[in-house]
Amino acid sequence: MSDKKTLVLGATPDESRYAYLASNRLVRAGHHIVNVGIKTGEVAGVPIEKPETIHQDIDTITLYVGPQHQESLYNYILDTHPRRIIFNPGTENSELRRMAKEKGIETEYACTLVLLSIGQY
């Protein structure tokens, strides 16, 4: 399996949240992660960063931030320039999707947890 370094945007130490589950399952599947969010703490042994540092080596951004809170993150997301963005259920945003495609970034309306479970990540 190839490592697809993934930025989990909306990372949280709250064990009941899908972002928490995704971070843990990504690490278990052998992927390096960067946790980014507004919460403090760590998930899967990786600290949660604020959305400030632009990472240049990201394959995938998996979104766990609702569209109503995404606009302030547009530049951060686009400047990171991942290969793809996964819009998990509830994060779908046609404006951000269009902007990403204009920059050559693949987008998917999908569920990271499902993709991992069926071997399609």
PDB file of N, CA and C in Angstrom:
ATOM      1  N   MET A   1       0.842  -1.186   0.000  1.00  0.00           N
ATOM      2  CA  MET A   1       0.000   0.000   0.000  1.00  0.00           C
ATOM      3  C   MET A   1       0.879   1.238   0.000  1.00  0.00           C
ATOM      4  N   SER A   2       0.528   2.205  -0.829  1.00  0.00           N
ATOM      5  CA  SER A   2       1.305   3.440  -0.842  1.00  0.00           C
ATOM      6  C   SER A   2       0.759   4.396   0.216  1.00  0.00           C
ATOM      7  N   ASP A   3       1.679   5.117   0.825  1.00  0.00           N
ATOM      8  CA  ASP A   3       1.312   6.091   1.848  1.00  0.00           C
ATOM      9  C   ASP A   3       0.766   7.333   1.169  1.00  0.00           C
ATOM     10  N   LYS A   4      -0.467   7.671   1.473  1.00  0.00           N
ATOM     11  CA  LYS A   4      -1.079   8.891   0.955  1.00  0.00           C
ATOM     12  C   LYS A   4      -1.180   9.858   2.117  1.00  0.00           C
ATOM     13  N   LYS A   5      -0.147  10.691   2.265  1.00  0.00           N
ATOM     14  CA  LYS A   5      -0.124  11.625   3.382  1.00  0.00           C
ATOM     15  C   LYS A   5      -1.390  12.471   3.339  1.00  0.00           C
ATOM     16  N   THR A   6      -2.111  12.444   4.441  1.00  0.00           N
ATOM     17  CA  THR A   6      -3.442  13.029   4.491  1.00  0.00           C
ATOM     18  C   THR A   6      -3.533  14.099   5.567  1.00  0.00           C
ATOM     19  N   LEU A   7      -4.084  15.230   5.194  1.00  0.00           N
ATOM     20  CA  LEU A   7      -4.367  16.299   6.134  1.00  0.00           C
ATOM     21  C   LEU A   7      -5.838  16.165   6.525  1.00  0.00           C
ATOM     22  N   VAL A   8      -6.078  15.918   7.800  1.00  0.00           N
ATOM     23  CA  VAL A   8      -7.434  15.784   8.316  1.00  0.00           C
ATOM     24  C   VAL A   8      -7.856  17.178   8.790  1.00  0.00           C
ATOM     25  N   LEU A   9      -8.697  17.834   8.010  1.00  0.00           N
ATOM     26  CA  LEU A   9      -9.112  19.205   8.328  1.00  0.00           C
ATOM     27  C   LEU A   9     -10.429  19.156   9.099  1.00  0.00           C
ATOM     28  N   GLY A  10     -10.342  19.593  10.348  1.00  0.00           N
ATOM     29  CA  GLY A  10     -11.464  19.480  11.266  1.00  0.00           C
ATOM     30  C   GLY A  10     -11.168  18.440  12.332  1.00  0.00           C
ATOM     31  N   ALA A  11      -9.873  18.137  12.488  1.00  0.00           N
ATOM     32  CA  ALA A  11      -9.448  17.142  13.479  1.00  0.00           C
ATOM     33  C   ALA A  11      -9.903  17.545  14.878  1.00  0.00           C
ATOM     34  N   THR A  12     -10.239  16.539  15.671  1.00  0.00           N
ATOM     35  CA  THR A  12     -10.728  16.772  17.029  1.00  0.00           C
ATOM     36  C   THR A  12     -10.351  15.593  17.925  1.00  0.00           C
ATOM     37  N   PRO A  13     -10.079  15.868  19.191  1.00  0.00           N
ATOM     38  CA  PRO A  13      -9.821  14.764  20.119  1.00  0.00           C
ATOM     39  C   PRO A  13     -11.106  14.113  20.641  1.00  0.00           C
ATOM     40  N   ASP A  14     -12.258  14.560  20.171  1.00  0.00           N
ATOM     41  CA  ASP A  14     -13.549  14.015  20.588  1.00  0.00           C
ATOM     42  C   ASP A  14     -13.763  12.652  19.925  1.00  0.00           C
ATOM     43  N   GLU A  15     -13.706  11.594  20.722  1.00  0.00           N
ATOM     44  CA  GLU A  15     -13.781  10.226  20.207  1.00  0.00           C
ATOM     45  C   GLU A  15     -15.095   9.899  19.502  1.00  0.00           C
ATOM     46  N   SER A  16     -16.121  10.716  19.684  1.00  0.00           N
ATOM     47  CA  SER A  16     -17.407  10.435  19.054  1.00  0.00           C
ATOM     48  C   SER A  16     -17.517  11.023  17.642  1.00  0.00           C
ATOM     49  N   ARG A  17     -16.498  11.755  17.202  1.00  0.00           N
ATOM     50  CA  ARG A  17     -16.556  12.438  15.904  1.00  0.00           C
ATOM     51  C   ARG A  17     -15.900  11.598  14.803  1.00  0.00           C
ATOM     52  N   TYR A  18     -16.437  11.742  13.586  1.00  0.00           N
ATOM     53  CA  TYR A  18     -15.904  10.995  12.458  1.00  0.00           C
ATOM     54  C   TYR A  18     -14.468  11.393  12.132  1.00  0.00           C
ATOM     55  N   ALA A  19     -14.109  12.649  12.340  1.00  0.00           N
ATOM     56  CA  ALA A  19     -12.727  13.075  12.082  1.00  0.00           C
ATOM     57  C   ALA A  19     -11.753  12.309  12.973  1.00  0.00           C
ATOM     58  N   TYR A  20     -12.150  12.075  14.204  1.00  0.00           N
ATOM     59  CA  TYR A  20     -11.316  11.302  15.131  1.00  0.00           C
ATOM     60  C   TYR A  20     -11.136   9.871  14.619  1.00  0.00           C
ATOM     61  N   LEU A  21     -12.236   9.266  14.208  1.00  0.00           N
ATOM     62  CA  LEU A  21     -12.177   7.901  13.677  1.00  0.00           C
ATOM     63  C   LEU A  21     -11.308   7.841  12.423  1.00  0.00           C
ATOM     64  N   ALA A  22     -11.468   8.834  11.548  1.00  0.00           N
ATOM     65  CA  ALA A  22     -10.695   8.847  10.301  1.00  0.00           C
ATOM     66  C   ALA A  22      -9.202   8.952  10.580  1.00  0.00           C
ATOM     67  N   SER A  23      -8.801   9.838  11.481  1.00  0.00           N
ATOM     68  CA  SER A  23      -7.373   9.970  11.799  1.00  0.00           C
ATOM     69  C   SER A  23      -6.805   8.637  12.265  1.00  0.00           C
ATOM     70  N   ASN A  24      -7.512   7.979  13.152  1.00  0.00           N
ATOM     71  CA  ASN A  24      -7.037   6.699  13.681  1.00  0.00           C
ATOM     72  C   ASN A  24      -6.995   5.614  12.608  1.00  0.00           C
ATOM     73  N   ARG A  25      -8.012   5.539  11.791  1.00  0.00           N
ATOM     74  CA  ARG A  25      -8.046   4.501  10.759  1.00  0.00           C
ATOM     75  C   ARG A  25      -7.017   4.762   9.659  1.00  0.00           C
ATOM     76  N   LEU A  26      -6.769   6.020   9.346  1.00  0.00           N
ATOM     77  CA  LEU A  26      -5.732   6.344   8.359  1.00  0.00           C
ATOM     78  C   LEU A  26      -4.364   5.872   8.849  1.00  0.00           C
ATOM     79  N   VAL A  27      -4.067   6.147  10.114  1.00  0.00           N
ATOM     80  CA  VAL A  27      -2.777   5.729  10.677  1.00  0.00           C
ATOM     81  C   VAL A  27      -2.685   4.205  10.701  1.00  0.00           C
ATOM     82  N   ARG A  28      -3.753   3.544  11.127  1.00  0.00           N
ATOM     83  CA  ARG A  28      -3.754   2.067  11.145  1.00  0.00           C
ATOM     84  C   ARG A  28      -3.565   1.481   9.749  1.00  0.00           C
ATOM     85  N   ALA A  29      -4.028   2.215   8.727  1.00  0.00           N
ATOM     86  CA  ALA A  29      -3.892   1.745   7.345  1.00  0.00           C
ATOM     87  C   ALA A  29      -2.519   2.080   6.763  1.00  0.00           C
ATOM     88  N   GLY A  30      -1.669   2.735   7.557  1.00  0.00           N
ATOM     89  CA  GLY A  30      -0.304   3.004   7.113  1.00  0.00           C
ATOM     90  C   GLY A  30      -0.064   4.357   6.494  1.00  0.00           C
ATOM     91  N   HIS A  31      -1.017   5.266   6.625  1.00  0.00           N
ATOM     92  CA  HIS A  31      -0.862   6.607   6.060  1.00  0.00           C
ATOM     93  C   HIS A  31      -0.347   7.571   7.121  1.00  0.00           C
ATOM     94  N   HIS A  32       0.530   8.475   6.704  1.00  0.00           N
ATOM     95  CA  HIS A  32       0.936   9.561   7.591  1.00  0.00           C
ATOM     96  C   HIS A  32      -0.167  10.608   7.560  1.00  0.00           C
ATOM     97  N   ILE A  33      -0.411  11.236   8.707  1.00  0.00           N
ATOM     98  CA  ILE A  33      -1.460  12.252   8.764  1.00  0.00           C
ATOM     99  C   ILE A  33      -0.919  13.543   9.361  1.00  0.00           C
ATOM    100  N   VAL A  34      -1.617  14.611   9.029  1.00  0.00           N
ATOM    101  CA  VAL A  34      -1.455  15.910   9.670  1.00  0.00           C
ATOM    102  C   VAL A  34      -2.845  16.268  10.162  1.00  0.00           C
ATOM    103  N   ASN A  35      -2.992  16.464  11.467  1.00  0.00           N
ATOM    104  CA  ASN A  35      -4.280  16.859  12.036  1.00  0.00           C
ATOM    105  C   ASN A  35      -4.326  18.380  12.107  1.00  0.00           C
ATOM    106  N   VAL A  36      -5.373  18.963  11.551  1.00  0.00           N
ATOM    107  CA  VAL A  36      -5.542  20.415  11.569  1.00  0.00           C
ATOM    108  C   VAL A  36      -6.958  20.719  12.032  1.00  0.00           C
ATOM    109  N   GLY A  37      -7.075  21.636  12.986  1.00  0.00           N
ATOM    110  CA  GLY A  37      -8.392  22.008  13.482  1.00  0.00           C
ATOM    111  C   GLY A  37      -8.302  23.141  14.477  1.00  0.00           C
ATOM    112  N   ILE A  38      -9.431  23.446  15.082  1.00  0.00           N
ATOM    113  CA  ILE A  38      -9.475  24.529  16.067  1.00  0.00           C
ATOM    114  C   ILE A  38      -9.358  23.996  17.491  1.00  0.00           C
ATOM    115  N   LYS A  39      -9.518  22.693  17.643  1.00  0.00           N
ATOM    116  CA  LYS A  39      -9.383  22.076  18.964  1.00  0.00           C
ATOM    117  C   LYS A  39      -7.909  21.860  19.286  1.00  0.00           C
ATOM    118  N   THR A  40      -7.608  21.673  20.566  1.00  0.00           N
ATOM    119  CA  THR A  40      -6.246  21.340  20.953  1.00  0.00           C
ATOM    120  C   THR A  40      -6.209  19.873  21.353  1.00  0.00           C
ATOM    121  N   GLY A  41      -5.020  19.317  21.322  1.00  0.00           N
ATOM    122  CA  GLY A  41      -4.854  17.925  21.702  1.00  0.00           C
ATOM    123  C   GLY A  41      -4.156  17.157  20.613  1.00  0.00           C
ATOM    124  N   GLU A  42      -4.359  15.850  20.634  1.00  0.00           N
ATOM    125  CA  GLU A  42      -3.767  15.007  19.604  1.00  0.00           C
ATOM    126  C   GLU A  42      -4.713  13.860  19.296  1.00  0.00           C
ATOM    127  N   VAL A  43      -4.536  13.322  18.109  1.00  0.00           N
ATOM    128  CA  VAL A  43      -5.321  12.178  17.660  1.00  0.00           C
ATOM    129  C   VAL A  43      -4.360  11.211  16.974  1.00  0.00           C
ATOM    130  N   ALA A  44      -4.458   9.961  17.302  1.00  0.00           N
ATOM    131  CA  ALA A  44      -3.617   8.914  16.716  1.00  0.00           C
ATOM    132  C   ALA A  44      -2.136   9.234  16.908  1.00  0.00           C
ATOM    133  N   GLY A  45      -1.810   9.878  18.032  1.00  0.00           N
ATOM    134  CA  GLY A  45      -0.427  10.209  18.333  1.00  0.00           C
ATOM    135  C   GLY A  45       0.118  11.414  17.595  1.00  0.00           C
ATOM    136  N   VAL A  46      -0.759  12.133  16.881  1.00  0.00           N
ATOM    137  CA  VAL A  46      -0.341  13.290  16.091  1.00  0.00           C
ATOM    138  C   VAL A  46      -1.033  14.534  16.647  1.00  0.00           C
ATOM    139  N   PRO A  47      -0.260  15.590  16.999  1.00  0.00           N
ATOM    140  CA  PRO A  47      -0.881  16.796  17.541  1.00  0.00           C
ATOM    141  C   PRO A  47      -1.803  17.475  16.532  1.00  0.00           C
ATOM    142  N   ILE A  48      -2.788  18.183  17.050  1.00  0.00           N
ATOM    143  CA  ILE A  48      -3.683  18.969  16.206  1.00  0.00           C
ATOM    144  C   ILE A  48      -3.073  20.356  16.050  1.00  0.00           C
ATOM    145  N   GLU A  49      -2.826  20.742  14.803  1.00  0.00           N
ATOM    146  CA  GLU A  49      -2.280  22.061  14.476  1.00  0.00           C
ATOM    147  C   GLU A  49      -3.418  23.023  14.147  1.00  0.00           C
ATOM    148  N   LYS A  50      -3.132  24.297  14.276  1.00  0.00           N
ATOM    149  CA  LYS A  50      -4.047  25.320  13.771  1.00  0.00           C
ATOM    150  C   LYS A  50      -3.834  25.420  12.260  1.00  0.00           C
ATOM    151  N   PRO A  51      -4.820  25.894  11.503  1.00  0.00           N
ATOM    152  CA  PRO A  51      -4.661  26.009  10.046  1.00  0.00           C
ATOM    153  C   PRO A  51      -3.791  27.219   9.673  1.00  0.00           C
ATOM    154  N   GLU A  52      -2.502  27.080   9.933  1.00  0.00           N
ATOM    155  CA  GLU A  52      -1.563  28.176   9.663  1.00  0.00           C
ATOM    156  C   GLU A  52      -0.423  27.717   8.768  1.00  0.00           C
ATOM    157  N   THR A  53       0.214  26.593   9.107  1.00  0.00           N
ATOM    158  CA  THR A  53       1.349  26.098   8.341  1.00  0.00           C
ATOM    159  C   THR A  53       0.855  25.428   7.066  1.00  0.00           C
ATOM    160  N   ILE A  54       1.375  25.873   5.929  1.00  0.00           N
ATOM    161  CA  ILE A  54       1.028  25.258   4.654  1.00  0.00           C
ATOM    162  C   ILE A  54       1.975  24.076   4.438  1.00  0.00           C
ATOM    163  N   HIS A  55       1.413  22.893   4.319  1.00  0.00           N
ATOM    164  CA  HIS A  55       2.189  21.681   4.066  1.00  0.00           C
ATOM    165  C   HIS A  55       2.235  21.456   2.559  1.00  0.00           C
ATOM    166  N   GLN A  56       3.411  21.203   2.036  1.00  0.00           N
ATOM    167  CA  GLN A  56       3.576  21.062   0.590  1.00  0.00           C
ATOM    168  C   GLN A  56       3.576  19.614   0.116  1.00  0.00           C
ATOM    169  N   ASP A  57       3.495  18.654   1.026  1.00  0.00           N
ATOM    170  CA  ASP A  57       3.640  17.248   0.664  1.00  0.00           C
ATOM    171  C   ASP A  57       2.374  16.434   0.934  1.00  0.00           C
ATOM    172  N   ILE A  58       1.231  17.069   0.793  1.00  0.00           N
ATOM    173  CA  ILE A  58      -0.045  16.424   1.115  1.00  0.00           C
ATOM    174  C   ILE A  58      -0.660  15.799  -0.131  1.00  0.00           C
ATOM    175  N   ASP A  59      -0.992  14.519  -0.051  1.00  0.00           N
ATOM    176  CA  ASP A  59      -1.709  13.855  -1.136  1.00  0.00           C
ATOM    177  C   ASP A  59      -3.196  14.197  -1.083  1.00  0.00           C
ATOM    178  N   THR A  60      -3.773  14.106   0.114  1.00  0.00           N
ATOM    179  CA  THR A  60      -5.220  14.244   0.264  1.00  0.00           C
ATOM    180  C   THR A  60      -5.559  15.134   1.453  1.00  0.00           C
ATOM    181  N   ILE A  61      -6.516  16.023   1.246  1.00  0.00           N
ATOM    182  CA  ILE A  61      -7.162  16.704   2.372  1.00  0.00           C
ATOM    183  C   ILE A  61      -8.529  16.049   2.511  1.00  0.00           C
ATOM    184  N   THR A  62      -8.815  15.529   3.688  1.00  0.00           N
ATOM    185  CA  THR A  62     -10.139  14.988   3.961  1.00  0.00           C
ATOM    186  C   THR A  62     -10.846  15.982   4.873  1.00  0.00           C
ATOM    187  N   LEU A  63     -11.972  16.489   4.384  1.00  0.00           N
ATOM    188  CA  LEU A  63     -12.677  17.583   5.061  1.00  0.00           C
ATOM    189  C   LEU A  63     -13.698  17.092   6.070  1.00  0.00           C
ATOM    190  N   TYR A  64     -13.604  17.652   7.265  1.00  0.00           N
ATOM    191  CA  TYR A  64     -14.591  17.431   8.321  1.00  0.00           C
ATOM    192  C   TYR A  64     -15.025  18.782   8.885  1.00  0.00           C
ATOM    193  N   VAL A  65     -15.152  19.763   8.006  1.00  0.00           N
ATOM    194  CA  VAL A  65     -15.589  21.112   8.370  1.00  0.00           C
ATOM    195  C   VAL A  65     -16.780  21.423   7.484  1.00  0.00           C
ATOM    196  N   GLY A  66     -17.885  21.810   8.086  1.00  0.00           N
ATOM    197  CA  GLY A  66     -19.087  22.120   7.321  1.00  0.00           C
ATOM    198  C   GLY A  66     -18.885  23.297   6.386  1.00  0.00           C
ATOM    199  N   PRO A  67     -19.667  23.352   5.299  1.00  0.00           N
ATOM    200  CA  PRO A  67     -19.490  24.412   4.306  1.00  0.00           C
ATOM    201  C   PRO A  67     -19.645  25.820   4.880  1.00  0.00           C
ATOM    202  N   GLN A  68     -20.438  25.970   5.917  1.00  0.00           N
ATOM    203  CA  GLN A  68     -20.639  27.286   6.522  1.00  0.00           C
ATOM    204  C   GLN A  68     -19.377  27.808   7.202  1.00  0.00           C
ATOM    205  N   HIS A  69     -18.394  26.934   7.459  1.00  0.00           N
ATOM    206  CA  HIS A  69     -17.142  27.333   8.110  1.00  0.00           C
ATOM    207  C   HIS A  69     -15.931  27.187   7.193  1.00  0.00           C
ATOM    208  N   GLN A  70     -16.160  26.853   5.933  1.00  0.00           N
ATOM    209  CA  GLN A  70     -15.042  26.587   5.025  1.00  0.00           C
ATOM    210  C   GLN A  70     -14.453  27.828   4.373  1.00  0.00           C
ATOM    211  N   GLU A  71     -15.250  28.852   4.159  1.00  0.00           N
ATOM    212  CA  GLU A  71     -14.760  30.004   3.385  1.00  0.00           C
ATOM    213  C   GLU A  71     -13.468  30.581   3.947  1.00  0.00           C
ATOM    214  N   SER A  72     -13.361  30.668   5.259  1.00  0.00           N
ATOM    215  CA  SER A  72     -12.138  31.217   5.865  1.00  0.00           C
ATOM    216  C   SER A  72     -10.944  30.281   5.664  1.00  0.00           C
ATOM    217  N   LEU A  73     -11.194  29.055   5.215  1.00  0.00           N
ATOM    218  CA  LEU A  73     -10.130  28.068   4.995  1.00  0.00           C
ATOM    219  C   LEU A  73      -9.777  27.886   3.520  1.00  0.00           C
ATOM    220  N   TYR A  74     -10.479  28.571   2.623  1.00  0.00           N
ATOM    221  CA  TYR A  74     -10.252  28.383   1.188  1.00  0.00           C
ATOM    222  C   TYR A  74      -8.781  28.553   0.815  1.00  0.00           C
ATOM    223  N   ASN A  75      -8.167  29.664   1.214  1.00  0.00           N
ATOM    224  CA  ASN A  75      -6.770  29.902   0.848  1.00  0.00           C
ATOM    225  C   ASN A  75      -5.866  28.840   1.436  1.00  0.00           C
ATOM    226  N   TYR A  76      -6.098  28.476   2.677  1.00  0.00           N
ATOM    227  CA  TYR A  76      -5.290  27.433   3.319  1.00  0.00           C
ATOM    228  C   TYR A  76      -5.373  26.133   2.529  1.00  0.00           C
ATOM    229  N   ILE A  77      -6.575  25.738   2.175  1.00  0.00           N
ATOM    230  CA  ILE A  77      -6.786  24.491   1.436  1.00  0.00           C
ATOM    231  C   ILE A  77      -6.126  24.557   0.065  1.00  0.00           C
ATOM    232  N   LEU A  78      -6.393  25.619  -0.672  1.00  0.00           N
ATOM    233  CA  LEU A  78      -5.881  25.729  -2.036  1.00  0.00           C
ATOM    234  C   LEU A  78      -4.374  25.923  -2.067  1.00  0.00           C
ATOM    235  N   ASP A  79      -3.821  26.655  -1.110  1.00  0.00           N
ATOM    236  CA  ASP A  79      -2.366  26.863  -1.058  1.00  0.00           C
ATOM    237  C   ASP A  79      -1.625  25.584  -0.677  1.00  0.00           C
ATOM    238  N   THR A  80      -2.282  24.688   0.043  1.00  0.00           N
ATOM    239  CA  THR A  80      -1.687  23.391   0.365  1.00  0.00           C
ATOM    240  C   THR A  80      -1.536  22.561  -0.906  1.00  0.00           C
ATOM    241  N   HIS A  81      -2.393  22.779  -1.854  1.00  0.00           N
ATOM    242  CA  HIS A  81      -2.402  22.132  -3.165  1.00  0.00           C
ATOM    243  C   HIS A  81      -2.219  20.613  -3.077  1.00  0.00           C
ATOM    244  N   PRO A  82      -3.196  19.949  -2.431  1.00  0.00           N
ATOM    245  CA  PRO A  82      -3.139  18.479  -2.387  1.00  0.00           C
ATOM    246  C   PRO A  82      -3.454  17.908  -3.768  1.00  0.00           C
ATOM    247  N   ARG A  83      -3.222  16.628  -3.933  1.00  0.00           N
ATOM    248  CA  ARG A  83      -3.631  15.958  -5.177  1.00  0.00           C
ATOM    249  C   ARG A  83      -5.153  15.891  -5.245  1.00  0.00           C
ATOM    250  N   ARG A  84      -5.789  15.671  -4.059  1.00  0.00           N
ATOM    251  CA  ARG A  84      -7.253  15.578  -4.042  1.00  0.00           C
ATOM    252  C   ARG A  84      -7.809  16.090  -2.721  1.00  0.00           C
ATOM    253  N   ILE A  85      -9.086  16.437  -2.777  1.00  0.00           N
ATOM    254  CA  ILE A  85      -9.857  16.807  -1.592  1.00  0.00           C
ATOM    255  C   ILE A  85     -11.042  15.857  -1.519  1.00  0.00           C
ATOM    256  N   ILE A  86     -11.225  15.253  -0.350  1.00  0.00           N
ATOM    257  CA  ILE A  86     -12.414  14.427  -0.118  1.00  0.00           C
ATOM    258  C   ILE A  86     -13.385  15.251   0.713  1.00  0.00           C
ATOM    259  N   PHE A  87     -14.558  15.488   0.144  1.00  0.00           N
ATOM    260  CA  PHE A  87     -15.643  16.157   0.856  1.00  0.00           C
ATOM    261  C   PHE A  87     -16.472  15.052   1.507  1.00  0.00           C
ATOM    262  N   ASN A  88     -16.284  14.859   2.797  1.00  0.00           N
ATOM    263  CA  ASN A  88     -17.052  13.853   3.520  1.00  0.00           C
ATOM    264  C   ASN A  88     -18.498  14.297   3.641  1.00  0.00           C
ATOM    265  N   PRO A  89     -19.425  13.372   3.921  1.00  0.00           N
ATOM    266  CA  PRO A  89     -20.835  13.744   4.033  1.00  0.00           C
ATOM    267  C   PRO A  89     -21.037  14.934   4.978  1.00  0.00           C
ATOM    268  N   GLY A  90     -21.779  15.917   4.491  1.00  0.00           N
ATOM    269  CA  GLY A  90     -22.047  17.133   5.264  1.00  0.00           C
ATOM    270  C   GLY A  90     -21.061  18.252   4.997  1.00  0.00           C
ATOM    271  N   THR A  91     -20.016  17.994   4.201  1.00  0.00           N
ATOM    272  CA  THR A  91     -19.021  19.031   3.902  1.00  0.00           C
ATOM    273  C   THR A  91     -19.073  19.469   2.439  1.00  0.00           C
ATOM    274  N   GLU A  92     -20.007  18.934   1.675  1.00  0.00           N
ATOM    275  CA  GLU A  92     -20.094  19.225   0.244  1.00  0.00           C
ATOM    276  C   GLU A  92     -20.195  20.732   0.009  1.00  0.00           C
ATOM    277  N   ASN A  93     -19.436  21.219  -0.977  1.00  0.00           N
ATOM    278  CA  ASN A  93     -19.374  22.655  -1.245  1.00  0.00           C
ATOM    279  C   ASN A  93     -19.004  22.847  -2.717  1.00  0.00           C
ATOM    280  N   SER A  94     -19.988  23.212  -3.539  1.00  0.00           N
ATOM    281  CA  SER A  94     -19.744  23.335  -4.983  1.00  0.00           C
ATOM    282  C   SER A  94     -18.785  24.478  -5.300  1.00  0.00           C
ATOM    283  N   GLU A  95     -18.792  25.545  -4.514  1.00  0.00           N
ATOM    284  CA  GLU A  95     -17.875  26.665  -4.765  1.00  0.00           C
ATOM    285  C   GLU A  95     -16.421  26.241  -4.547  1.00  0.00           C
ATOM    286  N   LEU A  96     -16.137  25.613  -3.415  1.00  0.00           N
ATOM    287  CA  LEU A  96     -14.778  25.146  -3.137  1.00  0.00           C
ATOM    288  C   LEU A  96     -14.377  24.063  -4.135  1.00  0.00           C
ATOM    289  N   ARG A  97     -15.305  23.214  -4.495  1.00  0.00           N
ATOM    290  CA  ARG A  97     -15.013  22.163  -5.474  1.00  0.00           C
ATOM    291  C   ARG A  97     -14.593  22.776  -6.807  1.00  0.00           C
ATOM    292  N   ARG A  98     -15.322  23.803  -7.255  1.00  0.00           N
ATOM    293  CA  ARG A  98     -14.994  24.483  -8.509  1.00  0.00           C
ATOM    294  C   ARG A  98     -13.622  25.142  -8.421  1.00  0.00           C
ATOM    295  N   MET A  99     -13.347  25.828  -7.306  1.00  0.00           N
ATOM    296  CA  MET A  99     -12.066  26.499  -7.120  1.00  0.00           C
ATOM    297  C   MET A  99     -10.911  25.494  -7.137  1.00  0.00           C
ATOM    298  N   ALA A 100     -11.108  24.358  -6.498  1.00  0.00           N
ATOM    299  CA  ALA A 100     -10.073  23.325  -6.459  1.00  0.00           C
ATOM    300  C   ALA A 100      -9.817  22.777  -7.866  1.00  0.00           C
ATOM    301  N   LYS A 101     -10.878  22.481  -8.591  1.00  0.00           N
ATOM    302  CA  LYS A 101     -10.722  21.941  -9.941  1.00  0.00           C
ATOM    303  C   LYS A 101      -9.981  22.921 -10.837  1.00  0.00           C
ATOM    304  N   GLU A 102     -10.239  24.219 -10.668  1.00  0.00           N
ATOM    305  CA  GLU A 102      -9.533  25.248 -11.445  1.00  0.00           C
ATOM    306  C   GLU A 102      -8.032  25.226 -11.174  1.00  0.00           C
ATOM    307  N   LYS A 103      -7.639  24.751 -10.015  1.00  0.00           N
ATOM    308  CA  LYS A 103      -6.221  24.662  -9.653  1.00  0.00           C
ATOM    309  C   LYS A 103      -5.651  23.260  -9.912  1.00  0.00           C
ATOM    310  N   GLY A 104      -6.428  22.423 -10.574  1.00  0.00           N
ATOM    311  CA  GLY A 104      -5.952  21.089 -10.916  1.00  0.00           C
ATOM    312  C   GLY A 104      -6.007  20.085  -9.778  1.00  0.00           C
ATOM    313  N   ILE A 105      -6.814  20.366  -8.770  1.00  0.00           N
ATOM    314  CA  ILE A 105      -6.953  19.477  -7.616  1.00  0.00           C
ATOM    315  C   ILE A 105      -8.193  18.600  -7.824  1.00  0.00           C
ATOM    316  N   GLU A 106      -7.998  17.288  -7.730  1.00  0.00           N
ATOM    317  CA  GLU A 106      -9.134  16.363  -7.824  1.00  0.00           C
ATOM    318  C   GLU A 106     -10.043  16.570  -6.622  1.00  0.00           C
ATOM    319  N   THR A 107     -11.338  16.358  -6.818  1.00  0.00           N
ATOM    320  CA  THR A 107     -12.277  16.420  -5.702  1.00  0.00           C
ATOM    321  C   THR A 107     -13.183  15.197  -5.753  1.00  0.00           C
ATOM    322  N   GLU A 108     -13.606  14.778  -4.571  1.00  0.00           N
ATOM    323  CA  GLU A 108     -14.506  13.639  -4.444  1.00  0.00           C
ATOM    324  C   GLU A 108     -15.527  13.932  -3.361  1.00  0.00           C
ATOM    325  N   TYR A 109     -16.790  13.691  -3.669  1.00  0.00           N
ATOM    326  CA  TYR A 109     -17.798  13.660  -2.629  1.00  0.00           C
ATOM    327  C   TYR A 109     -17.845  12.192  -2.195  1.00  0.00           C
ATOM    328  N   ALA A 110     -17.247  11.896  -1.059  1.00  0.00           N
ATOM    329  CA  ALA A 110     -17.111  10.507  -0.614  1.00  0.00           C
ATOM    330  C   ALA A 110     -16.943  10.498   0.898  1.00  0.00           C
ATOM    331  N   CYS A 111     -16.777   9.316   1.443  1.00  0.00           N
ATOM    332  CA  CYS A 111     -16.552   9.142   2.871  1.00  0.00           C
ATOM    333  C   CYS A 111     -15.217   8.439   3.064  1.00  0.00           C
ATOM    334  N   THR A 112     -14.288   9.111   3.717  1.00  0.00           N
ATOM    335  CA  THR A 112     -12.968   8.546   3.956  1.00  0.00           C
ATOM    336  C   THR A 112     -13.059   7.197   4.660  1.00  0.00           C
ATOM    337  N   LEU A 113     -13.931   7.083   5.650  1.00  0.00           N
ATOM    338  CA  LEU A 113     -14.060   5.832   6.389  1.00  0.00           C
ATOM    339  C   LEU A 113     -14.530   4.691   5.493  1.00  0.00           C
ATOM    340  N   VAL A 114     -15.458   4.974   4.600  1.00  0.00           N
ATOM    341  CA  VAL A 114     -15.939   3.946   3.675  1.00  0.00           C
ATOM    342  C   VAL A 114     -14.840   3.590   2.685  1.00  0.00           C
ATOM    343  N   LEU A 115     -14.160   4.599   2.131  1.00  0.00           N
ATOM    344  CA  LEU A 115     -13.086   4.328   1.173  1.00  0.00           C
ATOM    345  C   LEU A 115     -12.009   3.440   1.797  1.00  0.00           C
ATOM    346  N   LEU A 116     -11.650   3.721   3.040  1.00  0.00           N
ATOM    347  CA  LEU A 116     -10.666   2.886   3.737  1.00  0.00           C
ATOM    348  C   LEU A 116     -11.193   1.463   3.923  1.00  0.00           C
ATOM    349  N   SER A 117     -12.462   1.334   4.305  1.00  0.00           N
ATOM    350  CA  SER A 117     -13.007   0.007   4.623  1.00  0.00           C
ATOM    351  C   SER A 117     -13.139  -0.883   3.392  1.00  0.00           C
ATOM    352  N   ILE A 118     -13.281  -0.288   2.206  1.00  0.00           N
ATOM    353  CA  ILE A 118     -13.416  -1.103   0.991  1.00  0.00           C
ATOM    354  C   ILE A 118     -12.133  -1.136   0.170  1.00  0.00           C
ATOM    355  N   GLY A 119     -11.053  -0.579   0.728  1.00  0.00           N
ATOM    356  CA  GLY A 119      -9.766  -0.620   0.050  1.00  0.00           C
ATOM    357  C   GLY A 119      -9.659   0.295  -1.146  1.00  0.00           C
ATOM    358  N   GLN A 120     -10.468   1.354  -1.183  1.00  0.00           N
ATOM    359  CA  GLN A 120     -10.470   2.277  -2.315  1.00  0.00           C
ATOM    360  C   GLN A 120      -9.853   3.633  -1.976  1.00  0.00           C
ATOM    361  N   TYR A 121      -9.215   3.734  -0.801  1.00  0.00           N
ATOM    362  CA  TYR A 121      -8.633   5.020  -0.409  1.00  0.00           C
ATOM    363  C   TYR A 121      -7.424   5.311  -1.286  1.00  0.00           C
TER     364      TYR A 121
END
